[in-house]
Amino acid sequence: MKISAAIITRDAAAALDRCLASLDFCDEVVVLDQHSADQTAAVCARRGARLVQTEWLGFGPTKQKAVDLCRNRWVLSIDSDEQVSAELRAAILALPDEPAAAAFAVNRLSRFLGHWIRHCGWHPDWVVRLFDRERAAFDAKPVHEAVHARGPVERLGGLLLHDAYETLEAYIARLDRYTTAAAAELHQQGRRSGLGGAWVRSQAAFWRMWLLQGGFRDGWPGTVLCACSSFYVLSKYVKLWRLDRP
């Protein structure tokens, strides 16, 4: 099976270098960049990746554009802050040339404040990342995008390692952008929110993650993550409330 890796990125050269190093088994690597001002171009040149520039279209459309640039039928979509583990690499290489499945889901393990998070609803985290682009594609959602397959989806062994948020600053920087996009999407769907409802949703999110999904087992990093996720929910629904205000 010949595999193309598709990555979207912007100003993430250090993480991208680690990501590309884990993709040496791929026959082609396409990096779709949003005009980075760091060393992204140099990293791509050193690792042998094909670099293409684009304007930001939202997560779903931008990732699908990267897929469309690939030459091979099978595509591994991976974020610049993710790495393929040795076990996942072996599982991919063991696949037949023509699998019956239309796509494969991988189990993602994410880091927060320097710790691997194994609870909080963050793990196990099965996401479809390897797929036959003739039978699967990304949806057009601007945030929280997903691959939809026309055929069976199977699971692969090994882990996709996600260096999500090493610092609180990194989390906060993404939170504002993500919650704005998520609120706009909800508003387009006709959803509405009040301030009281936003508060209740945020508190429910904390207790669900911390208590029901075992966030307390991840220690203080897990507790901080639950609190941050609660604020994410609060921000999203307050922004949704503001969209209906004059």
C-alpha atoms as a PDB file:
ATOM      1  CA  MET A   1       0.000   0.000   0.000  1.00  0.00           C
ATOM      2  CA  LYS A   2       1.392   3.400  -0.987  1.00  0.00           C
ATOM      3  CA  ILE A   3       0.506   6.100   1.527  1.00  0.00           C
ATOM      4  CA  SER A   4       0.526   9.890   1.315  1.00  0.00           C
ATOM      5  CA  ALA A   5       0.643  11.892   4.537  1.00  0.00           C
ATOM      6  CA  ALA A   6      -1.357  15.142   4.558  1.00  0.00           C
ATOM      7  CA  ILE A   7      -0.604  17.875   7.118  1.00  0.00           C
ATOM      8  CA  ILE A   8      -1.918  21.397   7.615  1.00  0.00           C
ATOM      9  CA  THR A   9       0.228  23.797   9.598  1.00  0.00           C
ATOM     10  CA  ARG A  10       1.075  27.360  10.503  1.00  0.00           C
ATOM     11  CA  ASP A  11       4.085  28.587  12.477  1.00  0.00           C
ATOM     12  CA  ALA A  12       4.751  25.231  14.135  1.00  0.00           C
ATOM     13  CA  ALA A  13       8.186  24.341  12.766  1.00  0.00           C
ATOM     14  CA  ALA A  14       9.540  22.580  15.872  1.00  0.00           C
ATOM     15  CA  ALA A  15       6.490  20.337  16.262  1.00  0.00           C
ATOM     16  CA  LEU A  16       6.330  19.783  12.506  1.00  0.00           C
ATOM     17  CA  ASP A  17       9.925  18.532  12.478  1.00  0.00           C
ATOM     18  CA  ARG A  18       9.068  15.838  15.041  1.00  0.00           C
ATOM     19  CA  CYS A  19       5.920  14.943  13.123  1.00  0.00           C
ATOM     20  CA  LEU A  20       7.742  14.566   9.808  1.00  0.00           C
ATOM     21  CA  ALA A  21      10.453  12.454  11.445  1.00  0.00           C
ATOM     22  CA  SER A  22       7.782   9.889  12.368  1.00  0.00           C
ATOM     23  CA  LEU A  23       6.492   9.690   8.775  1.00  0.00           C
ATOM     24  CA  ASP A  24       9.562   8.221   7.084  1.00  0.00           C
ATOM     25  CA  PHE A  25       7.502   5.169   6.063  1.00  0.00           C
ATOM     26  CA  CYS A  26       5.144   7.253   3.895  1.00  0.00           C
ATOM     27  CA  ASP A  27       5.704   7.414   0.132  1.00  0.00           C
ATOM     28  CA  GLU A  28       4.771  11.102   0.007  1.00  0.00           C
ATOM     29  CA  VAL A  29       4.274  13.897   2.532  1.00  0.00           C
ATOM     30  CA  VAL A  30       2.242  16.989   1.655  1.00  0.00           C
ATOM     31  CA  VAL A  31       2.344  20.009   3.983  1.00  0.00           C
ATOM     32  CA  LEU A  32      -0.361  22.605   3.352  1.00  0.00           C
ATOM     33  CA  ASP A  33       0.836  25.762   5.075  1.00  0.00           C
ATOM     34  CA  GLN A  34      -0.917  29.038   5.900  1.00  0.00           C
ATOM     35  CA  HIS A  35       2.035  31.327   5.111  1.00  0.00           C
ATOM     36  CA  SER A  36       4.160  30.530   8.158  1.00  0.00           C
ATOM     37  CA  ALA A  37       6.752  33.077   9.231  1.00  0.00           C
ATOM     38  CA  ASP A  38       9.010  30.565  11.016  1.00  0.00           C
ATOM     39  CA  GLN A  39      11.298  27.781   9.732  1.00  0.00           C
ATOM     40  CA  THR A  40       8.472  25.643   8.296  1.00  0.00           C
ATOM     41  CA  ALA A  41       9.862  25.800   4.750  1.00  0.00           C
ATOM     42  CA  ALA A  42      13.344  24.769   5.899  1.00  0.00           C
ATOM     43  CA  VAL A  43      11.941  21.876   7.937  1.00  0.00           C
ATOM     44  CA  CYS A  44       9.936  20.622   4.947  1.00  0.00           C
ATOM     45  CA  ALA A  45      12.961  20.850   2.662  1.00  0.00           C
ATOM     46  CA  ARG A  46      15.157  18.947   5.126  1.00  0.00           C
ATOM     47  CA  ARG A  47      12.567  16.205   5.618  1.00  0.00           C
ATOM     48  CA  GLY A  48      11.651  15.888   1.936  1.00  0.00           C
ATOM     49  CA  ALA A  49       8.046  17.068   2.306  1.00  0.00           C
ATOM     50  CA  ARG A  50       6.202  18.912  -0.465  1.00  0.00           C
ATOM     51  CA  LEU A  51       5.188  22.376   0.753  1.00  0.00           C
ATOM     52  CA  VAL A  52       2.108  24.149  -0.644  1.00  0.00           C
ATOM     53  CA  GLN A  53       0.682  27.487   0.492  1.00  0.00           C
ATOM     54  CA  THR A  54      -2.997  28.282   1.003  1.00  0.00           C
ATOM     55  CA  GLU A  55      -5.345  30.668   2.745  1.00  0.00           C
ATOM     56  CA  TRP A  56      -7.224  29.435   5.809  1.00  0.00           C
ATOM     57  CA  LEU A  57     -10.556  27.817   4.890  1.00  0.00           C
ATOM     58  CA  GLY A  58     -11.568  26.317   8.227  1.00  0.00           C
ATOM     59  CA  PHE A  59     -10.346  22.968   9.548  1.00  0.00           C
ATOM     60  CA  GLY A  60     -12.509  20.629   7.487  1.00  0.00           C
ATOM     61  CA  PRO A  61     -12.071  22.351   4.100  1.00  0.00           C
ATOM     62  CA  THR A  62      -8.350  23.015   4.658  1.00  0.00           C
ATOM     63  CA  LYS A  63      -7.637  19.408   5.603  1.00  0.00           C
ATOM     64  CA  GLN A  64      -9.618  18.172   2.620  1.00  0.00           C
ATOM     65  CA  LYS A  65      -7.633  20.483   0.353  1.00  0.00           C
ATOM     66  CA  ALA A  66      -4.437  18.870   1.677  1.00  0.00           C
ATOM     67  CA  VAL A  67      -5.906  15.438   0.940  1.00  0.00           C
ATOM     68  CA  ASP A  68      -6.805  16.508  -2.599  1.00  0.00           C
ATOM     69  CA  LEU A  69      -3.167  17.471  -3.208  1.00  0.00           C
ATOM     70  CA  CYS A  70      -1.969  13.939  -2.469  1.00  0.00           C
ATOM     71  CA  ARG A  71      -0.998  11.582  -5.283  1.00  0.00           C
ATOM     72  CA  ASN A  72      -1.798   8.266  -3.601  1.00  0.00           C
ATOM     73  CA  ARG A  73      -5.193   6.730  -2.984  1.00  0.00           C
ATOM     74  CA  TRP A  74      -4.515   6.044   0.698  1.00  0.00           C
ATOM     75  CA  VAL A  75      -3.961   9.119   2.850  1.00  0.00           C
ATOM     76  CA  LEU A  76      -2.804   9.504   6.443  1.00  0.00           C
ATOM     77  CA  SER A  77      -4.095  12.818   7.769  1.00  0.00           C
ATOM     78  CA  ILE A  78      -1.998  13.958  10.704  1.00  0.00           C
ATOM     79  CA  ASP A  79      -1.678  17.242  12.589  1.00  0.00           C
ATOM     80  CA  SER A  80       1.671  18.985  12.896  1.00  0.00           C
ATOM     81  CA  ASP A  81       1.704  18.409  16.667  1.00  0.00           C
ATOM     82  CA  GLU A  82       1.155  14.652  16.338  1.00  0.00           C
ATOM     83  CA  GLN A  83       3.595  11.767  15.877  1.00  0.00           C
ATOM     84  CA  VAL A  84       3.146   8.178  14.741  1.00  0.00           C
ATOM     85  CA  SER A  85       4.371   5.754  17.412  1.00  0.00           C
ATOM     86  CA  ALA A  86       6.548   2.777  16.476  1.00  0.00           C
ATOM     87  CA  GLU A  87       3.627   0.420  17.180  1.00  0.00           C
ATOM     88  CA  LEU A  88       1.234   2.373  14.974  1.00  0.00           C
ATOM     89  CA  ARG A  89       3.853   2.538  12.243  1.00  0.00           C
ATOM     90  CA  ALA A  90       4.187  -1.258  12.335  1.00  0.00           C
ATOM     91  CA  ALA A  91       0.407  -1.705  12.239  1.00  0.00           C
ATOM     92  CA  ILE A  92       0.124   0.514   9.155  1.00  0.00           C
ATOM     93  CA  LEU A  93       2.972  -1.227   7.359  1.00  0.00           C
ATOM     94  CA  ALA A  94       1.335  -4.614   8.046  1.00  0.00           C
ATOM     95  CA  LEU A  95      -1.815  -3.667   6.102  1.00  0.00           C
ATOM     96  CA  PRO A  96      -2.456  -5.393   2.759  1.00  0.00           C
ATOM     97  CA  ASP A  97      -2.189  -3.414  -0.475  1.00  0.00           C
ATOM     98  CA  GLU A  98      -5.961  -3.366  -0.908  1.00  0.00           C
ATOM     99  CA  PRO A  99      -7.740  -3.436   2.480  1.00  0.00           C
ATOM    100  CA  ALA A 100     -11.450  -4.180   2.577  1.00  0.00           C
ATOM    101  CA  ALA A 101     -11.955  -1.293   5.011  1.00  0.00           C
ATOM    102  CA  ALA A 102     -12.560   2.186   3.637  1.00  0.00           C
ATOM    103  CA  ALA A 103     -10.779   3.785   6.592  1.00  0.00           C
ATOM    104  CA  PHE A 104      -8.895   3.067   9.792  1.00  0.00           C
ATOM    105  CA  ALA A 105      -9.231   4.720  13.188  1.00  0.00           C
ATOM    106  CA  VAL A 106      -6.223   5.243  15.441  1.00  0.00           C
ATOM    107  CA  ASN A 107      -6.090   5.756  19.203  1.00  0.00           C
ATOM    108  CA  ARG A 108      -4.750   9.210  20.071  1.00  0.00           C
ATOM    109  CA  LEU A 109      -2.970   9.898  23.371  1.00  0.00           C
ATOM    110  CA  SER A 110      -2.621  13.606  24.199  1.00  0.00           C
ATOM    111  CA  ARG A 111      -0.350  15.649  26.467  1.00  0.00           C
ATOM    112  CA  PHE A 112      -1.399  18.587  28.639  1.00  0.00           C
ATOM    113  CA  LEU A 113       1.088  20.608  30.716  1.00  0.00           C
ATOM    114  CA  GLY A 114       3.747  17.967  30.197  1.00  0.00           C
ATOM    115  CA  HIS A 115       1.617  14.971  31.212  1.00  0.00           C
ATOM    116  CA  TRP A 116      -0.043  12.244  29.163  1.00  0.00           C
ATOM    117  CA  ILE A 117      -3.779  12.447  29.842  1.00  0.00           C
ATOM    118  CA  ARG A 118      -5.390   9.003  30.122  1.00  0.00           C
ATOM    119  CA  HIS A 119      -8.796  10.050  31.458  1.00  0.00           C
ATOM    120  CA  CYS A 120     -10.946  13.240  31.310  1.00  0.00           C
ATOM    121  CA  GLY A 121     -12.685  11.804  28.245  1.00  0.00           C
ATOM    122  CA  TRP A 122      -9.468  12.378  26.302  1.00  0.00           C
ATOM    123  CA  HIS A 123      -8.417   8.728  26.159  1.00  0.00           C
ATOM    124  CA  PRO A 124      -9.087   6.381  24.537  1.00  0.00           C
ATOM    125  CA  ASP A 125      -9.659   8.755  21.644  1.00  0.00           C
ATOM    126  CA  TRP A 126     -10.358   6.895  18.398  1.00  0.00           C
ATOM    127  CA  VAL A 127     -10.088   9.160  15.358  1.00  0.00           C
ATOM    128  CA  VAL A 128     -10.238   8.212  11.682  1.00  0.00           C
ATOM    129  CA  ARG A 129      -6.937   9.254  10.123  1.00  0.00           C
ATOM    130  CA  LEU A 130      -5.940   6.656   7.513  1.00  0.00           C
ATOM    131  CA  PHE A 131      -8.410   6.326   4.653  1.00  0.00           C
ATOM    132  CA  ASP A 132      -9.044   5.577   1.012  1.00  0.00           C
ATOM    133  CA  ARG A 133      -9.768   9.013  -0.423  1.00  0.00           C
ATOM    134  CA  GLU A 134     -12.032   7.481  -3.048  1.00  0.00           C
ATOM    135  CA  ARG A 135     -14.295   6.214  -0.273  1.00  0.00           C
ATOM    136  CA  ALA A 136     -13.804   8.761   2.495  1.00  0.00           C
ATOM    137  CA  ALA A 137     -13.353  12.515   2.977  1.00  0.00           C
ATOM    138  CA  PHE A 138     -13.418  15.292   5.563  1.00  0.00           C
ATOM    139  CA  ASP A 139     -16.651  17.137   6.213  1.00  0.00           C
ATOM    140  CA  ALA A 140     -16.827  20.910   5.759  1.00  0.00           C
ATOM    141  CA  LYS A 141     -17.014  21.838   9.448  1.00  0.00           C
ATOM    142  CA  PRO A 142     -14.811  24.828  10.323  1.00  0.00           C
ATOM    143  CA  VAL A 143     -13.935  23.242  13.685  1.00  0.00           C
ATOM    144  CA  HIS A 144     -14.254  19.729  15.174  1.00  0.00           C
ATOM    145  CA  GLU A 145     -14.003  18.284  11.681  1.00  0.00           C
ATOM    146  CA  ALA A 146     -14.159  14.536  10.992  1.00  0.00           C
ATOM    147  CA  VAL A 147     -13.568  11.999   8.241  1.00  0.00           C
ATOM    148  CA  HIS A 148     -16.696  10.268   6.935  1.00  0.00           C
ATOM    149  CA  ALA A 149     -16.255   6.931   5.196  1.00  0.00           C
ATOM    150  CA  ARG A 150     -18.490   5.149   2.706  1.00  0.00           C
ATOM    151  CA  GLY A 151     -17.630   1.674   3.894  1.00  0.00           C
ATOM    152  CA  PRO A 152     -16.334  -0.209   6.939  1.00  0.00           C
ATOM    153  CA  VAL A 153     -13.986   1.466   9.411  1.00  0.00           C
ATOM    154  CA  GLU A 154     -11.504  -0.693  11.329  1.00  0.00           C
ATOM    155  CA  ARG A 155      -9.090   0.070  14.173  1.00  0.00           C
ATOM    156  CA  LEU A 156      -5.300  -0.046  14.164  1.00  0.00           C
ATOM    157  CA  GLY A 157      -3.000  -0.935  17.048  1.00  0.00           C
ATOM    158  CA  GLY A 158      -0.496   1.529  18.479  1.00  0.00           C
ATOM    159  CA  LEU A 159      -0.876   5.156  19.460  1.00  0.00           C
ATOM    160  CA  LEU A 160      -0.973   8.493  17.715  1.00  0.00           C
ATOM    161  CA  LEU A 161       0.977  10.744  20.103  1.00  0.00           C
ATOM    162  CA  HIS A 162      -0.439  14.250  20.388  1.00  0.00           C
ATOM    163  CA  ASP A 163       1.649  17.027  21.943  1.00  0.00           C
ATOM    164  CA  ALA A 164      -1.482  19.074  22.447  1.00  0.00           C
ATOM    165  CA  TYR A 165      -0.782  21.779  25.012  1.00  0.00           C
ATOM    166  CA  GLU A 166       2.598  21.884  26.717  1.00  0.00           C
ATOM    167  CA  THR A 167       1.796  25.300  28.214  1.00  0.00           C
ATOM    168  CA  LEU A 168      -1.341  27.046  29.413  1.00  0.00           C
ATOM    169  CA  GLU A 169      -0.528  29.878  27.011  1.00  0.00           C
ATOM    170  CA  ALA A 170      -0.837  27.454  24.093  1.00  0.00           C
ATOM    171  CA  TYR A 171      -4.235  26.293  25.319  1.00  0.00           C
ATOM    172  CA  ILE A 172      -5.537  29.838  25.796  1.00  0.00           C
ATOM    173  CA  ALA A 173      -4.305  30.940  22.355  1.00  0.00           C
ATOM    174  CA  ARG A 174      -6.283  28.177  20.665  1.00  0.00           C
ATOM    175  CA  LEU A 175      -9.296  28.500  22.952  1.00  0.00           C
ATOM    176  CA  ASP A 176     -10.240  31.946  21.667  1.00  0.00           C
ATOM    177  CA  ARG A 177     -10.001  30.916  18.014  1.00  0.00           C
ATOM    178  CA  TYR A 178     -11.774  27.576  18.454  1.00  0.00           C
ATOM    179  CA  THR A 179     -14.643  28.912  20.576  1.00  0.00           C
ATOM    180  CA  THR A 180     -15.297  31.749  18.120  1.00  0.00           C
ATOM    181  CA  ALA A 181     -15.562  29.265  15.241  1.00  0.00           C
ATOM    182  CA  ALA A 182     -17.677  26.839  17.285  1.00  0.00           C
ATOM    183  CA  ALA A 183     -20.092  29.578  18.367  1.00  0.00           C
ATOM    184  CA  ALA A 184     -20.480  30.764  14.772  1.00  0.00           C
ATOM    185  CA  GLU A 185     -21.249  27.216  13.647  1.00  0.00           C
ATOM    186  CA  LEU A 186     -23.895  26.778  16.343  1.00  0.00           C
ATOM    187  CA  HIS A 187     -25.428  30.129  15.432  1.00  0.00           C
ATOM    188  CA  GLN A 188     -25.694  29.109  11.783  1.00  0.00           C
ATOM    189  CA  GLN A 189     -27.524  25.974  12.929  1.00  0.00           C
ATOM    190  CA  GLY A 190     -30.090  28.146  14.697  1.00  0.00           C
ATOM    191  CA  ARG A 191     -28.868  27.349  18.211  1.00  0.00           C
ATOM    192  CA  ARG A 192     -29.305  29.920  20.958  1.00  0.00           C
ATOM    193  CA  SER A 193     -27.890  30.415  24.457  1.00  0.00           C
ATOM    194  CA  GLY A 194     -28.414  32.511  27.554  1.00  0.00           C
ATOM    195  CA  LEU A 195     -25.821  33.402  30.169  1.00  0.00           C
ATOM    196  CA  GLY A 196     -27.407  31.127  32.741  1.00  0.00           C
ATOM    197  CA  GLY A 197     -27.404  28.231  30.304  1.00  0.00           C
ATOM    198  CA  ALA A 198     -23.773  28.905  29.429  1.00  0.00           C
ATOM    199  CA  TRP A 199     -22.812  28.698  33.103  1.00  0.00           C
ATOM    200  CA  VAL A 200     -24.760  25.481  33.699  1.00  0.00           C
ATOM    201  CA  ARG A 201     -23.196  23.843  30.626  1.00  0.00           C
ATOM    202  CA  SER A 202     -19.698  24.816  31.754  1.00  0.00           C
ATOM    203  CA  GLN A 203     -20.196  23.384  35.244  1.00  0.00           C
ATOM    204  CA  ALA A 204     -21.678  20.195  33.813  1.00  0.00           C
ATOM    205  CA  ALA A 205     -18.617  19.847  31.565  1.00  0.00           C
ATOM    206  CA  PHE A 206     -16.240  20.097  34.529  1.00  0.00           C
ATOM    207  CA  TRP A 207     -17.989  17.502  36.680  1.00  0.00           C
ATOM    208  CA  ARG A 208     -18.507  15.123  33.780  1.00  0.00           C
ATOM    209  CA  MET A 209     -14.795  15.211  32.900  1.00  0.00           C
ATOM    210  CA  TRP A 210     -13.416  15.299  36.440  1.00  0.00           C
ATOM    211  CA  LEU A 211     -15.751  12.850  38.167  1.00  0.00           C
ATOM    212  CA  LEU A 212     -17.600  10.682  35.645  1.00  0.00           C
ATOM    213  CA  GLN A 213     -14.698  10.407  33.166  1.00  0.00           C
ATOM    214  CA  GLY A 214     -12.047  10.092  35.870  1.00  0.00           C
ATOM    215  CA  GLY A 215     -10.139  13.334  35.355  1.00  0.00           C
ATOM    216  CA  PHE A 216      -9.093  13.263  39.019  1.00  0.00           C
ATOM    217  CA  ARG A 217      -6.980  10.195  38.184  1.00  0.00           C
ATOM    218  CA  ASP A 218      -4.716  12.385  36.056  1.00  0.00           C
ATOM    219  CA  GLY A 219      -3.742  14.405  39.130  1.00  0.00           C
ATOM    220  CA  TRP A 220      -3.467  18.176  39.098  1.00  0.00           C
ATOM    221  CA  PRO A 221      -2.819  18.379  35.330  1.00  0.00           C
ATOM    222  CA  GLY A 222      -6.101  16.516  34.795  1.00  0.00           C
ATOM    223  CA  THR A 223      -7.942  18.795  37.215  1.00  0.00           C
ATOM    224  CA  VAL A 224      -6.568  21.901  35.485  1.00  0.00           C
ATOM    225  CA  LEU A 225      -7.580  20.432  32.119  1.00  0.00           C
ATOM    226  CA  CYS A 226     -11.135  19.879  33.371  1.00  0.00           C
ATOM    227  CA  ALA A 227     -11.271  23.496  34.588  1.00  0.00           C
ATOM    228  CA  CYS A 228      -9.908  24.764  31.258  1.00  0.00           C
ATOM    229  CA  SER A 229     -12.421  22.671  29.341  1.00  0.00           C
ATOM    230  CA  SER A 230     -15.192  24.087  31.511  1.00  0.00           C
ATOM    231  CA  PHE A 231     -14.068  27.595  30.580  1.00  0.00           C
ATOM    232  CA  TYR A 232     -13.952  26.530  26.913  1.00  0.00           C
ATOM    233  CA  VAL A 233     -17.637  25.575  27.106  1.00  0.00           C
ATOM    234  CA  LEU A 234     -18.482  28.813  28.946  1.00  0.00           C
ATOM    235  CA  SER A 235     -16.649  30.899  26.324  1.00  0.00           C
ATOM    236  CA  LYS A 236     -18.357  29.126  23.421  1.00  0.00           C
ATOM    237  CA  TYR A 237     -21.881  29.651  24.721  1.00  0.00           C
ATOM    238  CA  VAL A 238     -21.288  33.218  25.914  1.00  0.00           C
ATOM    239  CA  LYS A 239     -20.022  34.003  22.401  1.00  0.00           C
ATOM    240  CA  LEU A 240     -23.129  32.324  20.998  1.00  0.00           C
ATOM    241  CA  TRP A 241     -25.241  34.532  23.289  1.00  0.00           C
ATOM    242  CA  ARG A 242     -23.396  37.623  22.050  1.00  0.00           C
ATOM    243  CA  LEU A 243     -24.133  36.789  18.403  1.00  0.00           C
ATOM    244  CA  ASP A 244     -27.825  37.462  19.066  1.00  0.00           C
ATOM    245  CA  ARG A 245     -27.146  40.788  20.768  1.00  0.00           C
ATOM    246  CA  PRO A 246     -27.345  44.106  18.872  1.00  0.00           C
END
